[in-house]
Amino acid sequence: MGSIYYCKADPRVIVPKRQKWMGWTINFARASAFPTLIGLVAFISLPLVWLAVHGLVNTWIWFAVLAADIVVVCLICWVMASPGRR
């Protein structure tokens, strides 16, 4: 069905989806795929968990950190999936 990308010939860990407007996916043929996935999830979730522990859920800082996380992850994926990274 194509839900998992696995291509040993592609050296990139993060690759664009076939329909580019849908974002990126991880190439699970690379050894660094799972550490990359864990790192991206940790990068997004750890600051939000820290804010939740300190009672700052649904405040302006919560939404600012969430927006910053999303922007940074999108930029990282965009750079790592660029054709020049081959």
PDB file of N, CA and C in Angstrom:
ATOM      1  N   MET A   1       0.824  -1.196   0.000  1.00  0.00           N
ATOM      2  CA  MET A   1       0.000   0.000   0.000  1.00  0.00           C
ATOM      3  C   MET A   1       0.862   1.251   0.000  1.00  0.00           C
ATOM      4  N   GLY A   2       2.150   1.132   0.297  1.00  0.00           N
ATOM      5  CA  GLY A   2       3.038   2.267   0.224  1.00  0.00           C
ATOM      6  C   GLY A   2       3.068   3.146   1.461  1.00  0.00           C
ATOM      7  N   SER A   3       2.709   2.618   2.600  1.00  0.00           N
ATOM      8  CA  SER A   3       2.687   3.450   3.798  1.00  0.00           C
ATOM      9  C   SER A   3       4.051   3.543   4.471  1.00  0.00           C
ATOM     10  N   ILE A   4       4.978   2.641   4.149  1.00  0.00           N
ATOM     11  CA  ILE A   4       6.335   2.689   4.693  1.00  0.00           C
ATOM     12  C   ILE A   4       7.305   2.781   3.525  1.00  0.00           C
ATOM     13  N   TYR A   5       8.193   3.777   3.581  1.00  0.00           N
ATOM     14  CA  TYR A   5       9.177   3.972   2.522  1.00  0.00           C
ATOM     15  C   TYR A   5      10.437   3.196   2.875  1.00  0.00           C
ATOM     16  N   TYR A   6      10.876   2.339   1.967  1.00  0.00           N
ATOM     17  CA  TYR A   6      12.058   1.504   2.181  1.00  0.00           C
ATOM     18  C   TYR A   6      12.798   1.413   0.858  1.00  0.00           C
ATOM     19  N   CYS A   7      13.907   2.151   0.729  1.00  0.00           N
ATOM     20  CA  CYS A   7      14.679   2.161  -0.513  1.00  0.00           C
ATOM     21  C   CYS A   7      16.161   2.239  -0.163  1.00  0.00           C
ATOM     22  N   LYS A   8      16.865   1.125  -0.356  1.00  0.00           N
ATOM     23  CA  LYS A   8      18.294   1.083  -0.038  1.00  0.00           C
ATOM     24  C   LYS A   8      19.118   1.963  -0.964  1.00  0.00           C
ATOM     25  N   ALA A   9      18.645   2.203  -2.163  1.00  0.00           N
ATOM     26  CA  ALA A   9      19.385   3.026  -3.115  1.00  0.00           C
ATOM     27  C   ALA A   9      19.342   4.512  -2.774  1.00  0.00           C
ATOM     28  N   ASP A  10      18.389   4.927  -1.969  1.00  0.00           N
ATOM     29  CA  ASP A  10      18.253   6.335  -1.587  1.00  0.00           C
ATOM     30  C   ASP A  10      19.049   6.585  -0.312  1.00  0.00           C
ATOM     31  N   PRO A  11      20.075   7.436  -0.344  1.00  0.00           N
ATOM     32  CA  PRO A  11      20.921   7.646   0.838  1.00  0.00           C
ATOM     33  C   PRO A  11      20.295   8.554   1.897  1.00  0.00           C
ATOM     34  N   ARG A  12      19.192   9.213   1.565  1.00  0.00           N
ATOM     35  CA  ARG A  12      18.584  10.145   2.516  1.00  0.00           C
ATOM     36  C   ARG A  12      17.761   9.404   3.564  1.00  0.00           C
ATOM     37  N   VAL A  13      17.738   9.955   4.774  1.00  0.00           N
ATOM     38  CA  VAL A  13      16.917   9.391   5.845  1.00  0.00           C
ATOM     39  C   VAL A  13      15.506   9.956   5.749  1.00  0.00           C
ATOM     40  N   ILE A  14      15.388  11.238   5.508  1.00  0.00           N
ATOM     41  CA  ILE A  14      14.086  11.885   5.347  1.00  0.00           C
ATOM     42  C   ILE A  14      13.921  12.220   3.869  1.00  0.00           C
ATOM     43  N   VAL A  15      12.809  11.772   3.303  1.00  0.00           N
ATOM     44  CA  VAL A  15      12.558  11.957   1.874  1.00  0.00           C
ATOM     45  C   VAL A  15      11.186  12.586   1.668  1.00  0.00           C
ATOM     46  N   PRO A  16      11.022  13.350   0.573  1.00  0.00           N
ATOM     47  CA  PRO A  16       9.696  13.908   0.295  1.00  0.00           C
ATOM     48  C   PRO A  16       8.752  12.807  -0.179  1.00  0.00           C
ATOM     49  N   LYS A  17       7.484  12.961   0.140  1.00  0.00           N
ATOM     50  CA  LYS A  17       6.491  12.014  -0.346  1.00  0.00           C
ATOM     51  C   LYS A  17       6.269  12.234  -1.834  1.00  0.00           C
ATOM     52  N   ARG A  18       5.652  11.280  -2.484  1.00  0.00           N
ATOM     53  CA  ARG A  18       5.419  11.404  -3.928  1.00  0.00           C
ATOM     54  C   ARG A  18       4.588  12.635  -4.253  1.00  0.00           C
ATOM     55  N   GLN A  19       3.579  12.868  -3.462  1.00  0.00           N
ATOM     56  CA  GLN A  19       2.811  14.099  -3.594  1.00  0.00           C
ATOM     57  C   GLN A  19       3.421  15.091  -2.611  1.00  0.00           C
ATOM     58  N   LYS A  20       4.245  15.978  -3.112  1.00  0.00           N
ATOM     59  CA  LYS A  20       5.076  16.828  -2.262  1.00  0.00           C
ATOM     60  C   LYS A  20       4.289  17.674  -1.268  1.00  0.00           C
ATOM     61  N   TRP A  21       3.063  18.015  -1.572  1.00  0.00           N
ATOM     62  CA  TRP A  21       2.266  18.817  -0.645  1.00  0.00           C
ATOM     63  C   TRP A  21       1.909  18.031   0.614  1.00  0.00           C
ATOM     64  N   MET A  22       2.138  16.715   0.606  1.00  0.00           N
ATOM     65  CA  MET A  22       1.817  15.895   1.776  1.00  0.00           C
ATOM     66  C   MET A  22       2.958  15.841   2.793  1.00  0.00           C
ATOM     67  N   GLY A  23       4.111  16.418   2.462  1.00  0.00           N
ATOM     68  CA  GLY A  23       5.197  16.488   3.428  1.00  0.00           C
ATOM     69  C   GLY A  23       6.305  15.489   3.165  1.00  0.00           C
ATOM     70  N   TRP A  24       6.821  14.912   4.242  1.00  0.00           N
ATOM     71  CA  TRP A  24       7.974  14.039   4.165  1.00  0.00           C
ATOM     72  C   TRP A  24       7.691  12.710   4.853  1.00  0.00           C
ATOM     73  N   THR A  25       8.589  11.761   4.619  1.00  0.00           N
ATOM     74  CA  THR A  25       8.520  10.477   5.297  1.00  0.00           C
ATOM     75  C   THR A  25       9.942  10.028   5.599  1.00  0.00           C
ATOM     76  N   ILE A  26      10.068   8.953   6.358  1.00  0.00           N
ATOM     77  CA  ILE A  26      11.385   8.451   6.746  1.00  0.00           C
ATOM     78  C   ILE A  26      11.704   7.215   5.924  1.00  0.00           C
ATOM     79  N   ASN A  27      12.936   7.139   5.436  1.00  0.00           N
ATOM     80  CA  ASN A  27      13.413   5.989   4.684  1.00  0.00           C
ATOM     81  C   ASN A  27      13.897   4.934   5.685  1.00  0.00           C
ATOM     82  N   PHE A  28      13.092   3.908   5.901  1.00  0.00           N
ATOM     83  CA  PHE A  28      13.410   2.896   6.901  1.00  0.00           C
ATOM     84  C   PHE A  28      14.474   1.911   6.435  1.00  0.00           C
ATOM     85  N   ALA A  29      15.042   2.092   5.251  1.00  0.00           N
ATOM     86  CA  ALA A  29      16.165   1.276   4.802  1.00  0.00           C
ATOM     87  C   ALA A  29      17.480   1.775   5.406  1.00  0.00           C
ATOM     88  N   ARG A  30      17.485   2.972   5.938  1.00  0.00           N
ATOM     89  CA  ARG A  30      18.684   3.552   6.557  1.00  0.00           C
ATOM     90  C   ARG A  30      18.775   3.127   8.016  1.00  0.00           C
ATOM     91  N   ALA A  31      20.001   2.917   8.477  1.00  0.00           N
ATOM     92  CA  ALA A  31      20.238   2.521   9.875  1.00  0.00           C
ATOM     93  C   ALA A  31      19.861   3.637  10.844  1.00  0.00           C
ATOM     94  N   SER A  32      19.909   4.867  10.391  1.00  0.00           N
ATOM     95  CA  SER A  32      19.607   5.994  11.268  1.00  0.00           C
ATOM     96  C   SER A  32      18.132   6.398  11.239  1.00  0.00           C
ATOM     97  N   ALA A  33      17.267   5.573  10.660  1.00  0.00           N
ATOM     98  CA  ALA A  33      15.846   5.921  10.563  1.00  0.00           C
ATOM     99  C   ALA A  33      15.176   5.968  11.931  1.00  0.00           C
ATOM    100  N   PHE A  34      15.368   4.937  12.737  1.00  0.00           N
ATOM    101  CA  PHE A  34      14.705   4.917  14.040  1.00  0.00           C
ATOM    102  C   PHE A  34      15.262   5.966  15.000  1.00  0.00           C
ATOM    103  N   PRO A  35      16.589   6.172  15.071  1.00  0.00           N
ATOM    104  CA  PRO A  35      17.063   7.288  15.906  1.00  0.00           C
ATOM    105  C   PRO A  35      16.546   8.650  15.433  1.00  0.00           C
ATOM    106  N   THR A  36      16.409   8.830  14.138  1.00  0.00           N
ATOM    107  CA  THR A  36      15.858  10.081  13.610  1.00  0.00           C
ATOM    108  C   THR A  36      14.407  10.237  14.022  1.00  0.00           C
ATOM    109  N   LEU A  37      13.631   9.179  13.897  1.00  0.00           N
ATOM    110  CA  LEU A  37      12.229   9.223  14.299  1.00  0.00           C
ATOM    111  C   LEU A  37      12.091   9.522  15.786  1.00  0.00           C
ATOM    112  N   ILE A  38      12.874   8.847  16.610  1.00  0.00           N
ATOM    113  CA  ILE A  38      12.833   9.071  18.055  1.00  0.00           C
ATOM    114  C   ILE A  38      13.264  10.499  18.381  1.00  0.00           C
ATOM    115  N   GLY A  39      14.288  10.991  17.698  1.00  0.00           N
ATOM    116  CA  GLY A  39      14.752  12.354  17.926  1.00  0.00           C
ATOM    117  C   GLY A  39      13.714  13.402  17.575  1.00  0.00           C
ATOM    118  N   LEU A  40      13.028  13.213  16.457  1.00  0.00           N
ATOM    119  CA  LEU A  40      11.989  14.176  16.059  1.00  0.00           C
ATOM    120  C   LEU A  40      10.814  14.163  17.035  1.00  0.00           C
ATOM    121  N   VAL A  41      10.410  12.979  17.460  1.00  0.00           N
ATOM    122  CA  VAL A  41       9.308  12.887  18.423  1.00  0.00           C
ATOM    123  C   VAL A  41       9.716  13.517  19.751  1.00  0.00           C
ATOM    124  N   ALA A  42      10.939  13.251  20.195  1.00  0.00           N
ATOM    125  CA  ALA A  42      11.427  13.829  21.455  1.00  0.00           C
ATOM    126  C   ALA A  42      11.541  15.350  21.348  1.00  0.00           C
ATOM    127  N   PHE A  43      12.004  15.844  20.201  1.00  0.00           N
ATOM    128  CA  PHE A  43      12.161  17.280  20.008  1.00  0.00           C
ATOM    129  C   PHE A  43      10.822  18.003  20.145  1.00  0.00           C
ATOM    130  N   ILE A  44       9.760  17.368  19.675  1.00  0.00           N
ATOM    131  CA  ILE A  44       8.444  17.993  19.767  1.00  0.00           C
ATOM    132  C   ILE A  44       7.819  17.781  21.139  1.00  0.00           C
ATOM    133  N   SER A  45       7.912  16.565  21.667  1.00  0.00           N
ATOM    134  CA  SER A  45       7.146  16.243  22.874  1.00  0.00           C
ATOM    135  C   SER A  45       7.796  16.708  24.176  1.00  0.00           C
ATOM    136  N   LEU A  46       9.107  16.646  24.308  1.00  0.00           N
ATOM    137  CA  LEU A  46       9.741  16.970  25.590  1.00  0.00           C
ATOM    138  C   LEU A  46       9.479  18.400  26.072  1.00  0.00           C
ATOM    139  N   PRO A  47       9.613  19.414  25.227  1.00  0.00           N
ATOM    140  CA  PRO A  47       9.285  20.765  25.717  1.00  0.00           C
ATOM    141  C   PRO A  47       7.815  20.915  26.107  1.00  0.00           C
ATOM    142  N   LEU A  48       6.932  20.248  25.367  1.00  0.00           N
ATOM    143  CA  LEU A  48       5.505  20.344  25.693  1.00  0.00           C
ATOM    144  C   LEU A  48       5.181  19.611  26.988  1.00  0.00           C
ATOM    145  N   VAL A  49       5.835  18.484  27.214  1.00  0.00           N
ATOM    146  CA  VAL A  49       5.641  17.762  28.478  1.00  0.00           C
ATOM    147  C   VAL A  49       6.165  18.606  29.634  1.00  0.00           C
ATOM    148  N   TRP A  50       7.318  19.236  29.442  1.00  0.00           N
ATOM    149  CA  TRP A  50       7.880  20.089  30.495  1.00  0.00           C
ATOM    150  C   TRP A  50       6.927  21.230  30.830  1.00  0.00           C
ATOM    151  N   LEU A  51       6.357  21.842  29.801  1.00  0.00           N
ATOM    152  CA  LEU A  51       5.396  22.923  30.028  1.00  0.00           C
ATOM    153  C   LEU A  51       4.138  22.405  30.718  1.00  0.00           C
ATOM    154  N   ALA A  52       3.698  21.200  30.362  1.00  0.00           N
ATOM    155  CA  ALA A  52       2.508  20.633  30.995  1.00  0.00           C
ATOM    156  C   ALA A  52       2.754  20.340  32.465  1.00  0.00           C
ATOM    157  N   VAL A  53       3.951  19.855  32.796  1.00  0.00           N
ATOM    158  CA  VAL A  53       4.286  19.571  34.194  1.00  0.00           C
ATOM    159  C   VAL A  53       4.255  20.849  35.018  1.00  0.00           C
ATOM    160  N   HIS A  54       4.634  21.950  34.415  1.00  0.00           N
ATOM    161  CA  HIS A  54       4.646  23.232  35.115  1.00  0.00           C
ATOM    162  C   HIS A  54       3.333  24.003  34.978  1.00  0.00           C
ATOM    163  N   GLY A  55       2.301  23.352  34.474  1.00  0.00           N
ATOM    164  CA  GLY A  55       0.974  23.947  34.429  1.00  0.00           C
ATOM    165  C   GLY A  55       0.785  25.028  33.381  1.00  0.00           C
ATOM    166  N   LEU A  56       1.520  24.963  32.309  1.00  0.00           N
ATOM    167  CA  LEU A  56       1.424  26.006  31.287  1.00  0.00           C
ATOM    168  C   LEU A  56       0.705  25.536  30.022  1.00  0.00           C
ATOM    169  N   VAL A  57      -0.172  24.551  30.176  1.00  0.00           N
ATOM    170  CA  VAL A  57      -0.927  24.054  29.030  1.00  0.00           C
ATOM    171  C   VAL A  57      -1.964  25.097  28.620  1.00  0.00           C
ATOM    172  N   ASN A  58      -2.138  25.244  27.316  1.00  0.00           N
ATOM    173  CA  ASN A  58      -3.108  26.177  26.725  1.00  0.00           C
ATOM    174  C   ASN A  58      -2.850  27.632  27.113  1.00  0.00           C
ATOM    175  N   THR A  59      -1.588  27.973  27.272  1.00  0.00           N
ATOM    176  CA  THR A  59      -1.199  29.370  27.466  1.00  0.00           C
ATOM    177  C   THR A  59      -0.487  29.829  26.200  1.00  0.00           C
ATOM    178  N   TRP A  60      -0.167  31.094  26.144  1.00  0.00           N
ATOM    179  CA  TRP A  60       0.508  31.605  24.953  1.00  0.00           C
ATOM    180  C   TRP A  60       1.867  30.954  24.765  1.00  0.00           C
ATOM    181  N   ILE A  61       2.566  30.648  25.846  1.00  0.00           N
ATOM    182  CA  ILE A  61       3.890  30.025  25.729  1.00  0.00           C
ATOM    183  C   ILE A  61       3.779  28.613  25.175  1.00  0.00           C
ATOM    184  N   TRP A  62       2.717  27.896  25.555  1.00  0.00           N
ATOM    185  CA  TRP A  62       2.475  26.541  25.050  1.00  0.00           C
ATOM    186  C   TRP A  62       2.336  26.563  23.522  1.00  0.00           C
ATOM    187  N   PHE A  63       1.496  27.475  23.036  1.00  0.00           N
ATOM    188  CA  PHE A  63       1.254  27.550  21.599  1.00  0.00           C
ATOM    189  C   PHE A  63       2.472  28.100  20.853  1.00  0.00           C
ATOM    190  N   ALA A  64       3.234  28.984  21.476  1.00  0.00           N
ATOM    191  CA  ALA A  64       4.454  29.499  20.846  1.00  0.00           C
ATOM    192  C   ALA A  64       5.489  28.392  20.704  1.00  0.00           C
ATOM    193  N   VAL A  65       5.656  27.575  21.742  1.00  0.00           N
ATOM    194  CA  VAL A  65       6.616  26.468  21.677  1.00  0.00           C
ATOM    195  C   VAL A  65       6.156  25.432  20.659  1.00  0.00           C
ATOM    196  N   LEU A  66       4.875  25.133  20.628  1.00  0.00           N
ATOM    197  CA  LEU A  66       4.345  24.183  19.652  1.00  0.00           C
ATOM    198  C   LEU A  66       4.565  24.683  18.227  1.00  0.00           C
ATOM    199  N   ALA A  67       4.285  25.944  17.986  1.00  0.00           N
ATOM    200  CA  ALA A  67       4.497  26.517  16.648  1.00  0.00           C
ATOM    201  C   ALA A  67       5.973  26.509  16.275  1.00  0.00           C
ATOM    202  N   ALA A  68       6.834  26.856  17.210  1.00  0.00           N
ATOM    203  CA  ALA A  68       8.279  26.845  16.940  1.00  0.00           C
ATOM    204  C   ALA A  68       8.762  25.432  16.654  1.00  0.00           C
ATOM    205  N   ASP A  69       8.265  24.446  17.414  1.00  0.00           N
ATOM    206  CA  ASP A  69       8.635  23.051  17.167  1.00  0.00           C
ATOM    207  C   ASP A  69       8.245  22.612  15.763  1.00  0.00           C
ATOM    208  N   ILE A  70       7.045  22.945  15.359  1.00  0.00           N
ATOM    209  CA  ILE A  70       6.566  22.548  14.037  1.00  0.00           C
ATOM    210  C   ILE A  70       7.393  23.209  12.941  1.00  0.00           C
ATOM    211  N   VAL A  71       7.694  24.477  13.097  1.00  0.00           N
ATOM    212  CA  VAL A  71       8.496  25.182  12.092  1.00  0.00           C
ATOM    213  C   VAL A  71       9.898  24.584  12.002  1.00  0.00           C
ATOM    214  N   VAL A  72      10.522  24.319  13.139  1.00  0.00           N
ATOM    215  CA  VAL A  72      11.882  23.761  13.137  1.00  0.00           C
ATOM    216  C   VAL A  72      11.901  22.362  12.533  1.00  0.00           C
ATOM    217  N   VAL A  73      10.936  21.526  12.887  1.00  0.00           N
ATOM    218  CA  VAL A  73      10.888  20.169  12.321  1.00  0.00           C
ATOM    219  C   VAL A  73      10.654  20.226  10.812  1.00  0.00           C
ATOM    220  N   CYS A  74       9.796  21.108  10.347  1.00  0.00           N
ATOM    221  CA  CYS A  74       9.576  21.250   8.910  1.00  0.00           C
ATOM    222  C   CYS A  74      10.846  21.716   8.195  1.00  0.00           C
ATOM    223  N   LEU A  75      11.558  22.651   8.790  1.00  0.00           N
ATOM    224  CA  LEU A  75      12.821  23.109   8.180  1.00  0.00           C
ATOM    225  C   LEU A  75      13.865  21.997   8.149  1.00  0.00           C
ATOM    226  N   ILE A  76      13.965  21.237   9.226  1.00  0.00           N
ATOM    227  CA  ILE A  76      14.906  20.110   9.267  1.00  0.00           C
ATOM    228  C   ILE A  76      14.561  19.094   8.181  1.00  0.00           C
ATOM    229  N   CYS A  77      13.291  18.751   8.070  1.00  0.00           N
ATOM    230  CA  CYS A  77      12.867  17.782   7.051  1.00  0.00           C
ATOM    231  C   CYS A  77      13.108  18.321   5.648  1.00  0.00           C
ATOM    232  N   TRP A  78      12.830  19.604   5.430  1.00  0.00           N
ATOM    233  CA  TRP A  78      13.042  20.207   4.127  1.00  0.00           C
ATOM    234  C   TRP A  78      14.514  20.146   3.715  1.00  0.00           C
ATOM    235  N   VAL A  79      15.399  20.463   4.650  1.00  0.00           N
ATOM    236  CA  VAL A  79      16.840  20.449   4.356  1.00  0.00           C
ATOM    237  C   VAL A  79      17.329  19.020   4.133  1.00  0.00           C
ATOM    238  N   MET A  80      16.923  18.110   5.009  1.00  0.00           N
ATOM    239  CA  MET A  80      17.412  16.730   4.902  1.00  0.00           C
ATOM    240  C   MET A  80      16.847  15.999   3.692  1.00  0.00           C
ATOM    241  N   ALA A  81      15.695  16.416   3.178  1.00  0.00           N
ATOM    242  CA  ALA A  81      15.094  15.756   2.030  1.00  0.00           C
ATOM    243  C   ALA A  81      15.467  16.417   0.701  1.00  0.00           C
ATOM    244  N   SER A  82      16.257  17.458   0.748  1.00  0.00           N
ATOM    245  CA  SER A  82      16.587  18.165  -0.493  1.00  0.00           C
ATOM    246  C   SER A  82      17.430  17.282  -1.403  1.00  0.00           C
ATOM    247  N   PRO A  83      17.278  17.445  -2.705  1.00  0.00           N
ATOM    248  CA  PRO A  83      18.015  16.618  -3.666  1.00  0.00           C
ATOM    249  C   PRO A  83      19.536  16.765  -3.553  1.00  0.00           C
ATOM    250  N   GLY A  84      20.006  17.883  -3.081  1.00  0.00           N
ATOM    251  CA  GLY A  84      21.450  18.093  -2.954  1.00  0.00           C
ATOM    252  C   GLY A  84      22.092  17.244  -1.866  1.00  0.00           C
ATOM    253  N   ARG A  85      21.305  16.588  -1.043  1.00  0.00           N
ATOM    254  CA  ARG A  85      21.833  15.778   0.059  1.00  0.00           C
ATOM    255  C   ARG A  85      22.194  14.370  -0.415  1.00  0.00           C
ATOM    256  N   ARG A  86      22.018  14.048  -1.666  1.00  0.00           N
ATOM    257  CA  ARG A  86      22.308  12.694  -2.151  1.00  0.00           C
ATOM    258  C   ARG A  86      23.779  12.441  -2.210  1.00  0.00           C
TER     259      ARG A  86
END
